[in-house]
PDB file of N, CA and C in Angstrom:
ATOM      1  N   UNK A   1       0.811  -1.173  -0.005  1.00  0.00           N
ATOM      2  CA  UNK A   1       0.028  -0.007  -0.008  1.00  0.00           C
ATOM      3  C   UNK A   1       0.876   1.251   0.018  1.00  0.00           C
ATOM      4  N   UNK A   2       0.557   2.239  -0.836  1.00  0.00           N
ATOM      5  CA  UNK A   2       1.301   3.455  -0.930  1.00  0.00           C
ATOM      6  C   UNK A   2       1.043   4.381   0.278  1.00  0.00           C
ATOM      7  N   UNK A   3       2.081   5.143   0.603  1.00  0.00           N
ATOM      8  CA  UNK A   3       1.918   6.087   1.698  1.00  0.00           C
ATOM      9  C   UNK A   3       1.209   7.356   1.074  1.00  0.00           C
ATOM     10  N   UNK A   4       0.755   8.173   2.028  1.00  0.00           N
ATOM     11  CA  UNK A   4       0.063   9.404   1.591  1.00  0.00           C
ATOM     12  C   UNK A   4       1.001  10.289   0.767  1.00  0.00           C
ATOM     13  N   UNK A   5       2.261  10.347   1.150  1.00  0.00           N
ATOM     14  CA  UNK A   5       3.239  11.199   0.420  1.00  0.00           C
ATOM     15  C   UNK A   5       3.404  10.641  -0.952  1.00  0.00           C
ATOM     16  N   UNK A   6       3.557   9.356  -1.094  1.00  0.00           N
ATOM     17  CA  UNK A   6       3.738   8.754  -2.423  1.00  0.00           C
ATOM     18  C   UNK A   6       2.529   9.020  -3.290  1.00  0.00           C
ATOM     19  N   UNK A   7       1.346   8.894  -2.716  1.00  0.00           N
ATOM     20  CA  UNK A   7       0.102   9.138  -3.453  1.00  0.00           C
ATOM     21  C   UNK A   7       0.006  10.581  -3.915  1.00  0.00           C
ATOM     22  N   UNK A   8       0.393  11.516  -3.032  1.00  0.00           N
ATOM     23  CA  UNK A   8       0.340  12.940  -3.376  1.00  0.00           C
ATOM     24  C   UNK A   8       1.340  13.226  -4.470  1.00  0.00           C
ATOM     25  N   UNK A   9       2.570  12.661  -4.365  1.00  0.00           N
ATOM     26  CA  UNK A   9       3.594  12.830  -5.445  1.00  0.00           C
ATOM     27  C   UNK A   9       3.102  12.368  -6.808  1.00  0.00           C
ATOM     28  N   UNK A  10       2.517  11.161  -6.799  1.00  0.00           N
ATOM     29  CA  UNK A  10       1.977  10.598  -8.070  1.00  0.00           C
ATOM     30  C   UNK A  10       0.873  11.419  -8.592  1.00  0.00           C
ATOM     31  N   UNK A  11      -0.035  11.855  -7.692  1.00  0.00           N
ATOM     32  CA  UNK A  11      -1.165  12.711  -8.145  1.00  0.00           C
ATOM     33  C   UNK A  11      -0.684  14.030  -8.708  1.00  0.00           C
ATOM     34  N   UNK A  12       0.299  14.625  -8.009  1.00  0.00           N
ATOM     35  CA  UNK A  12       0.861  15.901  -8.472  1.00  0.00           C
ATOM     36  C   UNK A  12       1.452  15.733  -9.910  1.00  0.00           C
ATOM     37  N   UNK A  13       2.224  14.697 -10.087  1.00  0.00           N
ATOM     38  CA  UNK A  13       2.865  14.451 -11.409  1.00  0.00           C
ATOM     39  C   UNK A  13       1.828  14.202 -12.495  1.00  0.00           C
ATOM     40  N   UNK A  14       0.836  13.420 -12.134  1.00  0.00           N
ATOM     41  CA  UNK A  14      -0.278  13.134 -13.121  1.00  0.00           C
ATOM     42  C   UNK A  14      -1.050  14.391 -13.492  1.00  0.00           C
ATOM     43  N   UNK A  15      -1.369  15.224 -12.518  1.00  0.00           N
ATOM     44  CA  UNK A  15      -2.114  16.418 -12.745  1.00  0.00           C
ATOM     45  C   UNK A  15      -1.291  17.428 -13.562  1.00  0.00           C
ATOM     46  N   UNK A  16      -0.005  17.593 -13.229  1.00  0.00           N
ATOM     47  CA  UNK A  16       0.862  18.454 -13.966  1.00  0.00           C
ATOM     48  C   UNK A  16       0.968  17.962 -15.411  1.00  0.00           C
ATOM     49  N   UNK A  17       1.123  16.683 -15.616  1.00  0.00           N
ATOM     50  CA  UNK A  17       1.195  16.129 -16.993  1.00  0.00           C
ATOM     51  C   UNK A  17      -0.086  16.411 -17.731  1.00  0.00           C
ATOM     52  N   UNK A  18      -1.233  16.185 -17.114  1.00  0.00           N
ATOM     53  CA  UNK A  18      -2.537  16.340 -17.818  1.00  0.00           C
ATOM     54  C   UNK A  18      -2.736  17.801 -18.168  1.00  0.00           C
ATOM     55  N   UNK A  19      -2.197  18.712 -17.374  1.00  0.00           N
ATOM     56  CA  UNK A  19      -2.330  20.159 -17.631  1.00  0.00           C
ATOM     57  C   UNK A  19      -1.170  20.689 -18.433  1.00  0.00           C
ATOM     58  N   UNK A  20      -0.317  19.763 -18.924  1.00  0.00           N
ATOM     59  CA  UNK A  20       0.845  20.109 -19.768  1.00  0.00           C
ATOM     60  C   UNK A  20       1.806  21.108 -19.010  1.00  0.00           C
ATOM     61  N   UNK A  21       2.050  20.773 -17.763  1.00  0.00           N
ATOM     62  CA  UNK A  21       2.917  21.620 -16.917  1.00  0.00           C
ATOM     63  C   UNK A  21       4.085  20.734 -16.296  1.00  0.00           C
ATOM     64  N   UNK A  22       4.512  19.793 -17.103  1.00  0.00           N
ATOM     65  CA  UNK A  22       5.538  18.860 -16.595  1.00  0.00           C
ATOM     66  C   UNK A  22       6.835  19.499 -16.082  1.00  0.00           C
ATOM     67  N   UNK A  23       7.125  20.677 -16.660  1.00  0.00           N
ATOM     68  CA  UNK A  23       8.372  21.322 -16.254  1.00  0.00           C
ATOM     69  C   UNK A  23       8.275  22.210 -14.976  1.00  0.00           C
ATOM     70  N   UNK A  24       7.084  22.227 -14.424  1.00  0.00           N
ATOM     71  CA  UNK A  24       6.873  23.063 -13.197  1.00  0.00           C
ATOM     72  C   UNK A  24       7.165  22.179 -12.012  1.00  0.00           C
ATOM     73  N   UNK A  25       7.877  22.784 -11.060  1.00  0.00           N
ATOM     74  CA  UNK A  25       8.198  22.059  -9.809  1.00  0.00           C
ATOM     75  C   UNK A  25       7.276  22.570  -8.704  1.00  0.00           C
ATOM     76  N   UNK A  26       6.710  21.674  -8.004  1.00  0.00           N
ATOM     77  CA  UNK A  26       5.710  22.006  -6.927  1.00  0.00           C
ATOM     78  C   UNK A  26       6.305  21.487  -5.615  1.00  0.00           C
ATOM     79  N   UNK A  27       6.352  22.348  -4.613  1.00  0.00           N
ATOM     80  CA  UNK A  27       6.760  21.976  -3.307  1.00  0.00           C
ATOM     81  C   UNK A  27       5.461  21.629  -2.544  1.00  0.00           C
ATOM     82  N   UNK A  28       5.088  20.354  -2.599  1.00  0.00           N
ATOM     83  CA  UNK A  28       3.847  19.892  -1.990  1.00  0.00           C
ATOM     84  C   UNK A  28       3.715  20.286  -0.558  1.00  0.00           C
ATOM     85  N   UNK A  29       4.766  20.112   0.227  1.00  0.00           N
ATOM     86  CA  UNK A  29       4.759  20.402   1.645  1.00  0.00           C
ATOM     87  C   UNK A  29       4.494  21.911   1.886  1.00  0.00           C
ATOM     88  N   UNK A  30       5.082  22.754   1.059  1.00  0.00           N
ATOM     89  CA  UNK A  30       4.838  24.190   1.183  1.00  0.00           C
ATOM     90  C   UNK A  30       3.361  24.506   0.891  1.00  0.00           C
ATOM     91  N   UNK A  31       2.793  23.928  -0.145  1.00  0.00           N
ATOM     92  CA  UNK A  31       1.376  24.159  -0.477  1.00  0.00           C
ATOM     93  C   UNK A  31       0.497  23.626   0.624  1.00  0.00           C
ATOM     94  N   UNK A  32       0.749  22.444   1.144  1.00  0.00           N
ATOM     95  CA  UNK A  32      -0.040  21.911   2.237  1.00  0.00           C
ATOM     96  C   UNK A  32       0.100  22.788   3.512  1.00  0.00           C
ATOM     97  N   UNK A  33       1.321  23.268   3.731  1.00  0.00           N
ATOM     98  CA  UNK A  33       1.541  24.112   4.889  1.00  0.00           C
ATOM     99  C   UNK A  33       0.684  25.406   4.778  1.00  0.00           C
ATOM    100  N   UNK A  34       0.658  26.035   3.606  1.00  0.00           N
ATOM    101  CA  UNK A  34      -0.166  27.220   3.433  1.00  0.00           C
ATOM    102  C   UNK A  34      -1.634  26.814   3.602  1.00  0.00           C
ATOM    103  N   UNK A  35      -2.057  25.725   3.085  1.00  0.00           N
ATOM    104  CA  UNK A  35      -3.490  25.280   3.281  1.00  0.00           C
ATOM    105  C   UNK A  35      -3.799  25.123   4.793  1.00  0.00           C
ATOM    106  N   UNK A  36      -2.835  24.560   5.538  1.00  0.00           N
ATOM    107  CA  UNK A  36      -3.003  24.424   6.952  1.00  0.00           C
ATOM    108  C   UNK A  36      -3.140  25.706   7.697  1.00  0.00           C
ATOM    109  N   UNK A  37      -2.298  26.686   7.335  1.00  0.00           N
ATOM    110  CA  UNK A  37      -2.385  28.002   7.940  1.00  0.00           C
ATOM    111  C   UNK A  37      -3.694  28.644   7.668  1.00  0.00           C
ATOM    112  N   UNK A  38      -4.191  28.523   6.391  1.00  0.00           N
ATOM    113  CA  UNK A  38      -5.472  29.122   6.045  1.00  0.00           C
ATOM    114  C   UNK A  38      -6.597  28.416   6.760  1.00  0.00           C
ATOM    115  N   UNK A  39      -6.608  27.124   6.845  1.00  0.00           N
ATOM    116  CA  UNK A  39      -7.684  26.361   7.503  1.00  0.00           C
ATOM    117  C   UNK A  39      -7.746  26.690   8.988  1.00  0.00           C
ATOM    118  N   UNK A  40      -6.595  26.866   9.656  1.00  0.00           N
ATOM    119  CA  UNK A  40      -6.597  27.088  11.067  1.00  0.00           C
ATOM    120  C   UNK A  40      -6.708  28.592  11.423  1.00  0.00           C
ATOM    121  N   UNK A  41      -6.344  29.451  10.528  1.00  0.00           N
ATOM    122  CA  UNK A  41      -6.376  30.921  10.794  1.00  0.00           C
ATOM    123  C   UNK A  41      -7.659  31.594  10.353  1.00  0.00           C
ATOM    124  N   UNK A  42      -8.301  30.998   9.373  1.00  0.00           N
ATOM    125  CA  UNK A  42      -9.535  31.591   8.828  1.00  0.00           C
ATOM    126  C   UNK A  42     -10.657  30.652   9.139  1.00  0.00           C
ATOM    127  N   UNK A  43     -11.031  29.809   8.210  1.00  0.00           N
ATOM    128  CA  UNK A  43     -11.928  28.682   8.375  1.00  0.00           C
ATOM    129  C   UNK A  43     -11.477  27.589   7.513  1.00  0.00           C
ATOM    130  N   UNK A  44     -11.835  26.346   7.835  1.00  0.00           N
ATOM    131  CA  UNK A  44     -11.354  25.182   7.050  1.00  0.00           C
ATOM    132  C   UNK A  44     -11.509  25.307   5.549  1.00  0.00           C
ATOM    133  N   UNK A  45     -12.648  25.760   5.027  1.00  0.00           N
ATOM    134  CA  UNK A  45     -12.769  25.862   3.569  1.00  0.00           C
ATOM    135  C   UNK A  45     -11.867  26.917   2.931  1.00  0.00           C
ATOM    136  N   UNK A  46     -11.190  27.745   3.747  1.00  0.00           N
ATOM    137  CA  UNK A  46     -10.265  28.729   3.236  1.00  0.00           C
ATOM    138  C   UNK A  46      -9.035  28.052   2.680  1.00  0.00           C
ATOM    139  N   UNK A  47      -8.744  26.797   3.087  1.00  0.00           N
ATOM    140  CA  UNK A  47      -7.520  26.108   2.633  1.00  0.00           C
ATOM    141  C   UNK A  47      -7.500  25.954   1.089  1.00  0.00           C
ATOM    142  N   UNK A  48      -8.478  25.313   0.465  1.00  0.00           N
ATOM    143  CA  UNK A  48      -8.364  25.182  -0.970  1.00  0.00           C
ATOM    144  C   UNK A  48      -8.496  26.486  -1.694  1.00  0.00           C
ATOM    145  N   UNK A  49      -9.336  27.369  -1.164  1.00  0.00           N
ATOM    146  CA  UNK A  49      -9.555  28.669  -1.757  1.00  0.00           C
ATOM    147  C   UNK A  49      -8.228  29.451  -1.742  1.00  0.00           C
ATOM    148  N   UNK A  50      -7.546  29.469  -0.627  1.00  0.00           N
ATOM    149  CA  UNK A  50      -6.303  30.210  -0.502  1.00  0.00           C
ATOM    150  C   UNK A  50      -5.199  29.689  -1.418  1.00  0.00           C
ATOM    151  N   UNK A  51      -5.115  28.343  -1.485  1.00  0.00           N
ATOM    152  CA  UNK A  51      -4.072  27.804  -2.367  1.00  0.00           C
ATOM    153  C   UNK A  51      -4.379  28.046  -3.862  1.00  0.00           C
ATOM    154  N   UNK A  52      -5.640  28.004  -4.170  1.00  0.00           N
ATOM    155  CA  UNK A  52      -6.037  28.246  -5.557  1.00  0.00           C
ATOM    156  C   UNK A  52      -5.666  29.698  -5.939  1.00  0.00           C
ATOM    157  N   UNK A  53      -6.073  30.612  -5.098  1.00  0.00           N
ATOM    158  CA  UNK A  53      -5.901  32.046  -5.386  1.00  0.00           C
ATOM    159  C   UNK A  53      -4.381  32.356  -5.426  1.00  0.00           C
ATOM    160  N   UNK A  54      -3.615  31.833  -4.524  1.00  0.00           N
ATOM    161  CA  UNK A  54      -2.191  32.039  -4.512  1.00  0.00           C
ATOM    162  C   UNK A  54      -1.577  31.466  -5.794  1.00  0.00           C
ATOM    163  N   UNK A  55      -1.974  30.283  -6.162  1.00  0.00           N
ATOM    164  CA  UNK A  55      -1.491  29.709  -7.417  1.00  0.00           C
ATOM    165  C   UNK A  55      -1.879  30.545  -8.664  1.00  0.00           C
ATOM    166  N   UNK A  56      -3.098  30.984  -8.654  1.00  0.00           N
ATOM    167  CA  UNK A  56      -3.595  31.846  -9.779  1.00  0.00           C
ATOM    168  C   UNK A  56      -2.773  33.136  -9.871  1.00  0.00           C
ATOM    169  N   UNK A  57      -2.518  33.742  -8.733  1.00  0.00           N
ATOM    170  CA  UNK A  57      -1.733  35.018  -8.685  1.00  0.00           C
ATOM    171  C   UNK A  57      -0.323  34.731  -9.155  1.00  0.00           C
ATOM    172  N   UNK A  58       0.229  33.594  -8.747  1.00  0.00           N
ATOM    173  CA  UNK A  58       1.614  33.292  -9.139  1.00  0.00           C
ATOM    174  C   UNK A  58       1.683  33.048 -10.639  1.00  0.00           C
ATOM    175  N   UNK A  59       0.684  32.348 -11.130  1.00  0.00           N
ATOM    176  CA  UNK A  59       0.591  32.096 -12.573  1.00  0.00           C
ATOM    177  C   UNK A  59       0.507  33.382 -13.422  1.00  0.00           C
ATOM    178  N   UNK A  60      -0.318  34.310 -12.930  1.00  0.00           N
ATOM    179  CA  UNK A  60      -0.425  35.606 -13.586  1.00  0.00           C
ATOM    180  C   UNK A  60       0.910  36.365 -13.578  1.00  0.00           C
ATOM    181  N   UNK A  61       1.550  36.367 -12.442  1.00  0.00           N
ATOM    182  CA  UNK A  61       2.822  37.079 -12.308  1.00  0.00           C
ATOM    183  C   UNK A  61       3.907  36.465 -13.195  1.00  0.00           C
ATOM    184  N   UNK A  62       3.965  35.123 -13.189  1.00  0.00           N
ATOM    185  CA  UNK A  62       4.966  34.478 -13.999  1.00  0.00           C
ATOM    186  C   UNK A  62       4.658  34.596 -15.515  1.00  0.00           C
ATOM    187  N   UNK A  63       3.346  34.445 -15.861  1.00  0.00           N
ATOM    188  CA  UNK A  63       2.929  34.651 -17.259  1.00  0.00           C
ATOM    189  C   UNK A  63       3.182  35.968 -17.821  1.00  0.00           C
ATOM    190  N   UNK A  64       3.085  36.964 -17.029  1.00  0.00           N
ATOM    191  CA  UNK A  64       3.207  38.369 -17.500  1.00  0.00           C
ATOM    192  C   UNK A  64       4.745  38.781 -17.458  1.00  0.00           C
ATOM    193  N   UNK A  65       5.571  37.917 -16.970  1.00  0.00           N
ATOM    194  CA  UNK A  65       7.016  38.227 -16.950  1.00  0.00           C
ATOM    195  C   UNK A  65       7.452  39.029 -15.710  1.00  0.00           C
ATOM    196  N   UNK A  66       6.550  39.222 -14.736  1.00  0.00           N
ATOM    197  CA  UNK A  66       6.911  39.883 -13.518  1.00  0.00           C
ATOM    198  C   UNK A  66       7.992  39.183 -12.695  1.00  0.00           C
ATOM    199  N   UNK A  67       7.932  37.863 -12.756  1.00  0.00           N
ATOM    200  CA  UNK A  67       8.870  37.044 -11.952  1.00  0.00           C
ATOM    201  C   UNK A  67       8.895  35.675 -12.577  1.00  0.00           C
ATOM    202  N   UNK A  68       9.956  34.881 -12.246  1.00  0.00           N
ATOM    203  CA  UNK A  68       9.981  33.499 -12.730  1.00  0.00           C
ATOM    204  C   UNK A  68       9.036  32.680 -11.812  1.00  0.00           C
ATOM    205  N   UNK A  69       8.775  31.451 -12.227  1.00  0.00           N
ATOM    206  CA  UNK A  69       7.777  30.617 -11.583  1.00  0.00           C
ATOM    207  C   UNK A  69       8.015  30.497 -10.065  1.00  0.00           C
ATOM    208  N   UNK A  70       9.243  30.123  -9.715  1.00  0.00           N
ATOM    209  CA  UNK A  70       9.529  29.951  -8.273  1.00  0.00           C
ATOM    210  C   UNK A  70       9.354  31.189  -7.449  1.00  0.00           C
ATOM    211  N   UNK A  71       9.836  32.292  -7.937  1.00  0.00           N
ATOM    212  CA  UNK A  71       9.695  33.581  -7.190  1.00  0.00           C
ATOM    213  C   UNK A  71       8.269  33.986  -7.100  1.00  0.00           C
ATOM    214  N   UNK A  72       7.505  33.855  -8.193  1.00  0.00           N
ATOM    215  CA  UNK A  72       6.122  34.226  -8.201  1.00  0.00           C
ATOM    216  C   UNK A  72       5.350  33.418  -7.196  1.00  0.00           C
ATOM    217  N   UNK A  73       5.610  32.075  -7.153  1.00  0.00           N
ATOM    218  CA  UNK A  73       4.863  31.198  -6.229  1.00  0.00           C
ATOM    219  C   UNK A  73       5.225  31.536  -4.792  1.00  0.00           C
ATOM    220  N   UNK A  74       6.518  31.688  -4.491  1.00  0.00           N
ATOM    221  CA  UNK A  74       6.900  32.044  -3.135  1.00  0.00           C
ATOM    222  C   UNK A  74       6.316  33.355  -2.686  1.00  0.00           C
ATOM    223  N   UNK A  75       6.295  34.340  -3.545  1.00  0.00           N
ATOM    224  CA  UNK A  75       5.738  35.665  -3.236  1.00  0.00           C
ATOM    225  C   UNK A  75       4.218  35.531  -2.893  1.00  0.00           C
ATOM    226  N   UNK A  76       3.510  34.895  -3.837  1.00  0.00           N
ATOM    227  CA  UNK A  76       2.077  34.731  -3.591  1.00  0.00           C
ATOM    228  C   UNK A  76       1.721  33.952  -2.362  1.00  0.00           C
ATOM    229  N   UNK A  77       2.482  32.915  -2.115  1.00  0.00           N
ATOM    230  CA  UNK A  77       2.213  32.104  -0.908  1.00  0.00           C
ATOM    231  C   UNK A  77       2.556  32.845   0.367  1.00  0.00           C
ATOM    232  N   UNK A  78       3.625  33.655   0.268  1.00  0.00           N
ATOM    233  CA  UNK A  78       4.028  34.500   1.418  1.00  0.00           C
ATOM    234  C   UNK A  78       2.932  35.516   1.735  1.00  0.00           C
ATOM    235  N   UNK A  79       2.405  36.160   0.743  1.00  0.00           N
ATOM    236  CA  UNK A  79       1.329  37.096   0.975  1.00  0.00           C
ATOM    237  C   UNK A  79       0.096  36.391   1.560  1.00  0.00           C
ATOM    238  N   UNK A  80      -0.273  35.262   1.037  1.00  0.00           N
ATOM    239  CA  UNK A  80      -1.414  34.546   1.542  1.00  0.00           C
ATOM    240  C   UNK A  80      -1.220  34.060   2.982  1.00  0.00           C
ATOM    241  N   UNK A  81      -0.013  33.589   3.265  1.00  0.00           N
ATOM    242  CA  UNK A  81       0.305  33.090   4.637  1.00  0.00           C
ATOM    243  C   UNK A  81       0.218  34.286   5.624  1.00  0.00           C
ATOM    244  N   UNK A  82       0.800  35.399   5.269  1.00  0.00           N
ATOM    245  CA  UNK A  82       0.830  36.610   6.125  1.00  0.00           C
ATOM    246  C   UNK A  82      -0.601  37.100   6.369  1.00  0.00           C
ATOM    247  N   UNK A  83      -1.403  37.159   5.317  1.00  0.00           N
ATOM    248  CA  UNK A  83      -2.780  37.631   5.461  1.00  0.00           C
ATOM    249  C   UNK A  83      -3.567  36.688   6.402  1.00  0.00           C
ATOM    250  N   UNK A  84      -3.375  35.392   6.183  1.00  0.00           N
ATOM    251  CA  UNK A  84      -4.167  34.433   7.037  1.00  0.00           C
ATOM    252  C   UNK A  84      -3.772  34.571   8.506  1.00  0.00           C
ATOM    253  N   UNK A  85      -2.475  34.750   8.741  1.00  0.00           N
ATOM    254  CA  UNK A  85      -2.039  34.910  10.143  1.00  0.00           C
ATOM    255  C   UNK A  85      -2.537  36.227  10.732  1.00  0.00           C
ATOM    256  N   UNK A  86      -2.546  37.287   9.914  1.00  0.00           N
ATOM    257  CA  UNK A  86      -3.129  38.573  10.378  1.00  0.00           C
ATOM    258  C   UNK A  86      -4.602  38.446  10.669  1.00  0.00           C
ATOM    259  N   UNK A  87      -5.326  37.691   9.842  1.00  0.00           N
ATOM    260  CA  UNK A  87      -6.760  37.479  10.095  1.00  0.00           C
ATOM    261  C   UNK A  87      -6.921  36.780  11.426  1.00  0.00           C
ATOM    262  N   UNK A  88      -6.155  35.735  11.672  1.00  0.00           N
ATOM    263  CA  UNK A  88      -6.292  35.023  12.939  1.00  0.00           C
ATOM    264  C   UNK A  88      -6.042  35.934  14.134  1.00  0.00           C
ATOM    265  N   UNK A  89      -5.024  36.773  14.015  1.00  0.00           N
ATOM    266  CA  UNK A  89      -4.683  37.713  15.079  1.00  0.00           C
ATOM    267  C   UNK A  89      -5.761  38.744  15.318  1.00  0.00           C
ATOM    268  N   UNK A  90      -6.427  39.190  14.264  1.00  0.00           N
ATOM    269  CA  UNK A  90      -7.493  40.149  14.385  1.00  0.00           C
ATOM    270  C   UNK A  90      -8.734  39.561  14.968  1.00  0.00           C
ATOM    271  N   UNK A  91      -8.916  38.269  14.726  1.00  0.00           N
ATOM    272  CA  UNK A  91     -10.091  37.535  15.225  1.00  0.00           C
ATOM    273  C   UNK A  91      -9.958  37.008  16.648  1.00  0.00           C
ATOM    274  N   UNK A  92      -8.686  37.030  17.101  1.00  0.00           N
ATOM    275  CA  UNK A  92      -8.428  36.460  18.492  1.00  0.00           C
ATOM    276  C   UNK A  92      -9.116  37.285  19.527  1.00  0.00           C
ATOM    277  N   UNK A  93      -9.519  36.582  20.586  1.00  0.00           N
ATOM    278  CA  UNK A  93     -10.236  37.319  21.720  1.00  0.00           C
ATOM    279  C   UNK A  93      -9.248  38.375  22.278  1.00  0.00           C
ATOM    280  N   UNK A  94      -9.772  39.530  22.485  1.00  0.00           N
ATOM    281  CA  UNK A  94      -9.006  40.664  23.001  1.00  0.00           C
ATOM    282  C   UNK A  94      -8.239  41.425  21.958  1.00  0.00           C
ATOM    283  N   UNK A  95      -8.401  41.054  20.709  1.00  0.00           N
ATOM    284  CA  UNK A  95      -7.673  41.781  19.626  1.00  0.00           C
ATOM    285  C   UNK A  95      -8.333  43.058  19.273  1.00  0.00           C
TER     286      UNK A  95
END
């Protein structure tokens, strides 16, 4: 039986191939980490929404030539992570 990590790696490769993005490198742990921050800092359904929007923003930045793929993804994920943490702090009791 495959581990969760192996399954995610295979799924990621299959999805990238189906979308003709084989040359794109994805840091699965980083994406899952961002999803976790969003889920715990905002609400659980914010996880897929946050990762989708961050990926979309990174794609637009990379596609327009503002940054290469890696820089665009790290920047978008950094903004999303910071915003989610700020949201949690603002919602905390006594904030």
